[in-house]
Amino acid sequence: MNDNAKQISELLHEAGETHHTVFRITDGADDDWASWYSEWLTEHSELPDLLGQEPVRSELTYMLVKLDQDYAAESPDEPWPNWYASRLIEHFA
């Protein structure tokens, strides 16, 4: 994993932790989690700089939902933030 992917992975992990804190009253449950993540990642993190562009929030939301479905279907051994990071870099390249 290169440095850029590592930083994006760390941001995804941070987004997850922050989301869980914000939604603590529901123990992190949020059916529209991907919209929250994409808002936080585009507006409150370094993700646009790391991707070299500001992703359209709706496209990032779509990608997060797709990656969640793909990750569940494939059940890789890799932690989800690492797995998502490499695919987000590839998609937004």
N, C-alpha and C. Protein backbone atom coordinates (compact mmCIF):
# COMPACT_ATOMS: atom_id res chain seq x y z
N MET A 1 0.85 -1.17 0.00
CA MET A 1 0.00 0.00 0.00
C MET A 1 0.90 1.24 0.00
N ASN A 2 0.70 2.11 -0.99
CA ASN A 2 1.51 3.32 -1.04
C ASN A 2 1.02 4.34 0.00
N ASP A 3 1.78 5.41 0.16
CA ASP A 3 1.49 6.41 1.19
C ASP A 3 0.13 7.06 0.99
N ASN A 4 -0.21 7.36 -0.26
CA ASN A 4 -1.49 7.99 -0.58
C ASN A 4 -2.65 7.07 -0.18
N ALA A 5 -2.56 5.82 -0.53
CA ALA A 5 -3.61 4.85 -0.18
C ALA A 5 -3.70 4.70 1.34
N LYS A 6 -2.55 4.72 2.00
CA LYS A 6 -2.53 4.61 3.47
C LYS A 6 -3.25 5.80 4.10
N GLN A 7 -3.00 6.99 3.59
CA GLN A 7 -3.65 8.19 4.12
C GLN A 7 -5.16 8.15 3.88
N ILE A 8 -5.58 7.70 2.71
CA ILE A 8 -7.01 7.60 2.42
C ILE A 8 -7.65 6.54 3.31
N SER A 9 -6.97 5.44 3.50
CA SER A 9 -7.46 4.40 4.40
C SER A 9 -7.65 4.95 5.81
N GLU A 10 -6.69 5.74 6.27
CA GLU A 10 -6.79 6.34 7.60
C GLU A 10 -7.97 7.31 7.68
N LEU A 11 -8.22 8.07 6.61
CA LEU A 11 -9.37 8.97 6.57
C LEU A 11 -10.68 8.19 6.63
N LEU A 12 -10.75 7.09 5.90
CA LEU A 12 -11.95 6.26 5.91
C LEU A 12 -12.19 5.71 7.32
N HIS A 13 -11.13 5.28 7.97
CA HIS A 13 -11.25 4.79 9.34
C HIS A 13 -11.73 5.91 10.27
N GLU A 14 -11.14 7.10 10.10
CA GLU A 14 -11.54 8.26 10.91
C GLU A 14 -13.01 8.61 10.66
N ALA A 15 -13.43 8.57 9.41
CA ALA A 15 -14.84 8.83 9.08
C ALA A 15 -15.74 7.83 9.79
N GLY A 16 -15.34 6.57 9.79
CA GLY A 16 -16.12 5.54 10.47
C GLY A 16 -16.23 5.80 11.97
N GLU A 17 -15.12 6.15 12.58
CA GLU A 17 -15.12 6.44 14.02
C GLU A 17 -15.96 7.68 14.33
N THR A 18 -15.82 8.71 13.50
CA THR A 18 -16.57 9.95 13.70
C THR A 18 -18.07 9.69 13.51
N HIS A 19 -18.42 8.93 12.48
CA HIS A 19 -19.82 8.60 12.22
C HIS A 19 -20.41 7.85 13.42
N HIS A 20 -19.66 6.91 13.94
CA HIS A 20 -20.15 6.14 15.08
C HIS A 20 -20.37 7.04 16.30
N THR A 21 -19.50 8.02 16.47
CA THR A 21 -19.65 8.97 17.58
C THR A 21 -20.89 9.84 17.36
N VAL A 22 -21.05 10.36 16.16
CA VAL A 22 -22.19 11.22 15.86
C VAL A 22 -23.50 10.46 16.02
N PHE A 23 -23.50 9.20 15.61
CA PHE A 23 -24.71 8.38 15.67
C PHE A 23 -24.69 7.45 16.89
N ARG A 24 -24.08 7.91 17.97
CA ARG A 24 -23.94 7.08 19.17
C ARG A 24 -25.29 6.68 19.76
N ILE A 25 -26.27 7.54 19.60
CA ILE A 25 -27.58 7.26 20.17
C ILE A 25 -28.22 6.02 19.53
N THR A 26 -27.81 5.72 18.29
CA THR A 26 -28.31 4.52 17.60
C THR A 26 -27.22 3.48 17.47
N ASP A 27 -26.15 3.62 18.26
CA ASP A 27 -25.01 2.71 18.22
C ASP A 27 -24.41 2.63 16.81
N GLY A 28 -24.40 3.77 16.12
CA GLY A 28 -23.79 3.85 14.79
C GLY A 28 -24.72 3.48 13.66
N ALA A 29 -25.93 3.04 13.96
CA ALA A 29 -26.86 2.63 12.90
C ALA A 29 -27.34 3.85 12.12
N ASP A 30 -27.23 3.77 10.80
CA ASP A 30 -27.65 4.86 9.92
C ASP A 30 -27.82 4.28 8.52
N ASP A 31 -29.05 4.15 8.07
CA ASP A 31 -29.31 3.58 6.75
C ASP A 31 -28.70 4.41 5.62
N ASP A 32 -28.51 5.70 5.86
CA ASP A 32 -27.94 6.57 4.83
C ASP A 32 -26.49 6.95 5.16
N TRP A 33 -25.76 5.99 5.73
CA TRP A 33 -24.39 6.23 6.16
C TRP A 33 -23.50 6.76 5.04
N ALA A 34 -23.68 6.26 3.82
CA ALA A 34 -22.79 6.65 2.71
C ALA A 34 -22.90 8.14 2.39
N SER A 35 -24.09 8.69 2.53
CA SER A 35 -24.26 10.14 2.31
C SER A 35 -23.51 10.93 3.38
N TRP A 36 -23.60 10.47 4.62
CA TRP A 36 -22.88 11.14 5.69
C TRP A 36 -21.38 11.07 5.45
N TYR A 37 -20.87 9.86 5.11
CA TYR A 37 -19.44 9.68 4.85
C TYR A 37 -18.98 10.60 3.72
N SER A 38 -19.73 10.63 2.62
CA SER A 38 -19.28 11.43 1.47
C SER A 38 -19.28 12.91 1.81
N GLU A 39 -20.25 13.37 2.58
CA GLU A 39 -20.26 14.77 3.03
C GLU A 39 -19.02 15.06 3.88
N TRP A 40 -18.76 14.22 4.85
CA TRP A 40 -17.63 14.42 5.74
C TRP A 40 -16.31 14.34 4.97
N LEU A 41 -16.19 13.35 4.11
CA LEU A 41 -14.93 13.16 3.37
C LEU A 41 -14.65 14.30 2.39
N THR A 42 -15.69 14.86 1.77
CA THR A 42 -15.45 15.94 0.80
C THR A 42 -15.35 17.31 1.46
N GLU A 43 -16.05 17.50 2.59
CA GLU A 43 -16.10 18.82 3.22
C GLU A 43 -15.19 18.98 4.43
N HIS A 44 -14.81 17.87 5.07
CA HIS A 44 -14.10 17.98 6.35
C HIS A 44 -12.84 17.12 6.42
N SER A 45 -12.31 16.72 5.28
CA SER A 45 -11.10 15.91 5.29
C SER A 45 -10.21 16.29 4.11
N GLU A 46 -9.06 15.66 4.06
CA GLU A 46 -8.09 15.90 3.01
C GLU A 46 -8.32 15.01 1.78
N LEU A 47 -9.42 14.28 1.73
CA LEU A 47 -9.64 13.35 0.62
C LEU A 47 -9.51 14.01 -0.75
N PRO A 48 -10.13 15.18 -1.00
CA PRO A 48 -9.97 15.77 -2.33
C PRO A 48 -8.50 16.00 -2.71
N ASP A 49 -7.70 16.47 -1.76
CA ASP A 49 -6.27 16.68 -2.03
C ASP A 49 -5.57 15.36 -2.34
N LEU A 50 -5.91 14.32 -1.59
CA LEU A 50 -5.26 13.03 -1.79
C LEU A 50 -5.67 12.38 -3.11
N LEU A 51 -6.90 12.64 -3.54
CA LEU A 51 -7.35 12.10 -4.83
C LEU A 51 -6.90 12.97 -5.99
N GLY A 52 -6.46 14.20 -5.71
CA GLY A 52 -6.05 15.12 -6.76
C GLY A 52 -7.22 15.78 -7.46
N GLN A 53 -8.40 15.67 -6.86
CA GLN A 53 -9.61 16.30 -7.39
C GLN A 53 -10.69 16.26 -6.32
N GLU A 54 -11.65 17.14 -6.43
CA GLU A 54 -12.78 17.09 -5.51
C GLU A 54 -13.85 16.22 -6.14
N PRO A 55 -14.07 15.04 -5.57
CA PRO A 55 -15.09 14.18 -6.16
C PRO A 55 -16.48 14.78 -5.99
N VAL A 56 -17.33 14.54 -6.94
CA VAL A 56 -18.73 14.93 -6.80
C VAL A 56 -19.30 14.07 -5.67
N ARG A 57 -19.95 14.72 -4.74
CA ARG A 57 -20.42 14.01 -3.55
C ARG A 57 -21.33 12.84 -3.89
N SER A 58 -22.22 13.01 -4.85
CA SER A 58 -23.14 11.91 -5.20
C SER A 58 -22.38 10.73 -5.80
N GLU A 59 -21.32 11.01 -6.55
CA GLU A 59 -20.52 9.92 -7.11
C GLU A 59 -19.77 9.19 -6.01
N LEU A 60 -19.24 9.93 -5.05
CA LEU A 60 -18.56 9.31 -3.92
C LEU A 60 -19.54 8.47 -3.10
N THR A 61 -20.74 8.99 -2.90
CA THR A 61 -21.77 8.23 -2.18
C THR A 61 -22.04 6.92 -2.90
N TYR A 62 -22.24 7.00 -4.22
CA TYR A 62 -22.48 5.80 -5.02
C TYR A 62 -21.33 4.80 -4.86
N MET A 63 -20.09 5.31 -4.95
CA MET A 63 -18.93 4.43 -4.85
C MET A 63 -18.86 3.77 -3.47
N LEU A 64 -19.16 4.49 -2.43
CA LEU A 64 -19.12 3.91 -1.08
C LEU A 64 -20.16 2.79 -0.94
N VAL A 65 -21.35 3.01 -1.47
CA VAL A 65 -22.38 1.97 -1.42
C VAL A 65 -21.94 0.76 -2.23
N LYS A 66 -21.42 1.00 -3.43
CA LYS A 66 -20.96 -0.09 -4.29
C LYS A 66 -19.83 -0.87 -3.63
N LEU A 67 -18.87 -0.15 -3.07
CA LEU A 67 -17.75 -0.81 -2.40
C LEU A 67 -18.23 -1.62 -1.21
N ASP A 68 -19.20 -1.11 -0.48
CA ASP A 68 -19.76 -1.85 0.65
C ASP A 68 -20.38 -3.16 0.18
N GLN A 69 -21.13 -3.11 -0.90
CA GLN A 69 -21.76 -4.31 -1.45
C GLN A 69 -20.70 -5.29 -1.97
N ASP A 70 -19.72 -4.76 -2.70
CA ASP A 70 -18.66 -5.61 -3.25
C ASP A 70 -17.83 -6.25 -2.14
N TYR A 71 -17.52 -5.47 -1.11
CA TYR A 71 -16.73 -5.99 0.01
C TYR A 71 -17.48 -7.12 0.71
N ALA A 72 -18.78 -6.93 0.91
CA ALA A 72 -19.58 -7.97 1.56
C ALA A 72 -19.65 -9.23 0.69
N ALA A 73 -19.76 -9.05 -0.61
CA ALA A 73 -19.87 -10.19 -1.53
C ALA A 73 -18.55 -10.96 -1.64
N GLU A 74 -17.44 -10.23 -1.66
CA GLU A 74 -16.13 -10.86 -1.86
C GLU A 74 -15.49 -11.33 -0.56
N SER A 75 -15.85 -10.74 0.56
CA SER A 75 -15.28 -11.07 1.86
C SER A 75 -13.75 -11.17 1.84
N PRO A 76 -13.07 -10.11 1.40
CA PRO A 76 -11.60 -10.17 1.38
C PRO A 76 -11.01 -10.17 2.78
N ASP A 77 -9.77 -10.64 2.89
CA ASP A 77 -9.06 -10.65 4.18
C ASP A 77 -8.58 -9.26 4.57
N GLU A 78 -8.49 -8.37 3.61
CA GLU A 78 -7.99 -7.02 3.81
C GLU A 78 -9.01 -6.18 4.59
N PRO A 79 -8.56 -5.35 5.53
CA PRO A 79 -9.49 -4.47 6.25
C PRO A 79 -10.23 -3.55 5.27
N TRP A 80 -11.49 -3.26 5.56
CA TRP A 80 -12.30 -2.49 4.62
C TRP A 80 -11.70 -1.13 4.26
N PRO A 81 -11.10 -0.37 5.19
CA PRO A 81 -10.56 0.94 4.77
C PRO A 81 -9.46 0.80 3.72
N ASN A 82 -8.60 -0.20 3.86
CA ASN A 82 -7.53 -0.41 2.88
C ASN A 82 -8.12 -0.81 1.53
N TRP A 83 -9.08 -1.70 1.56
CA TRP A 83 -9.71 -2.21 0.34
C TRP A 83 -10.43 -1.08 -0.39
N TYR A 84 -11.19 -0.28 0.34
CA TYR A 84 -11.91 0.85 -0.26
C TYR A 84 -10.92 1.87 -0.83
N ALA A 85 -9.87 2.16 -0.08
CA ALA A 85 -8.91 3.20 -0.49
C ALA A 85 -8.32 2.90 -1.86
N SER A 86 -7.86 1.69 -2.07
CA SER A 86 -7.24 1.37 -3.36
C SER A 86 -8.25 1.48 -4.49
N ARG A 87 -9.49 1.12 -4.26
CA ARG A 87 -10.51 1.19 -5.30
C ARG A 87 -10.98 2.62 -5.55
N LEU A 88 -11.01 3.44 -4.51
CA LEU A 88 -11.36 4.85 -4.71
C LEU A 88 -10.27 5.56 -5.52
N ILE A 89 -9.01 5.25 -5.23
CA ILE A 89 -7.91 5.84 -5.99
C ILE A 89 -8.03 5.44 -7.46
N GLU A 90 -8.28 4.18 -7.70
CA GLU A 90 -8.41 3.69 -9.07
C GLU A 90 -9.59 4.36 -9.78
N HIS A 91 -10.71 4.46 -9.11
CA HIS A 91 -11.90 5.04 -9.73
C HIS A 91 -11.72 6.51 -10.05
N PHE A 92 -11.15 7.27 -9.12
CA PHE A 92 -11.04 8.71 -9.31
C PHE A 92 -9.73 9.14 -9.98
N ALA A 93 -8.94 8.18 -10.43
CA ALA A 93 -7.67 8.51 -11.11
C ALA A 93 -7.91 9.25 -12.41
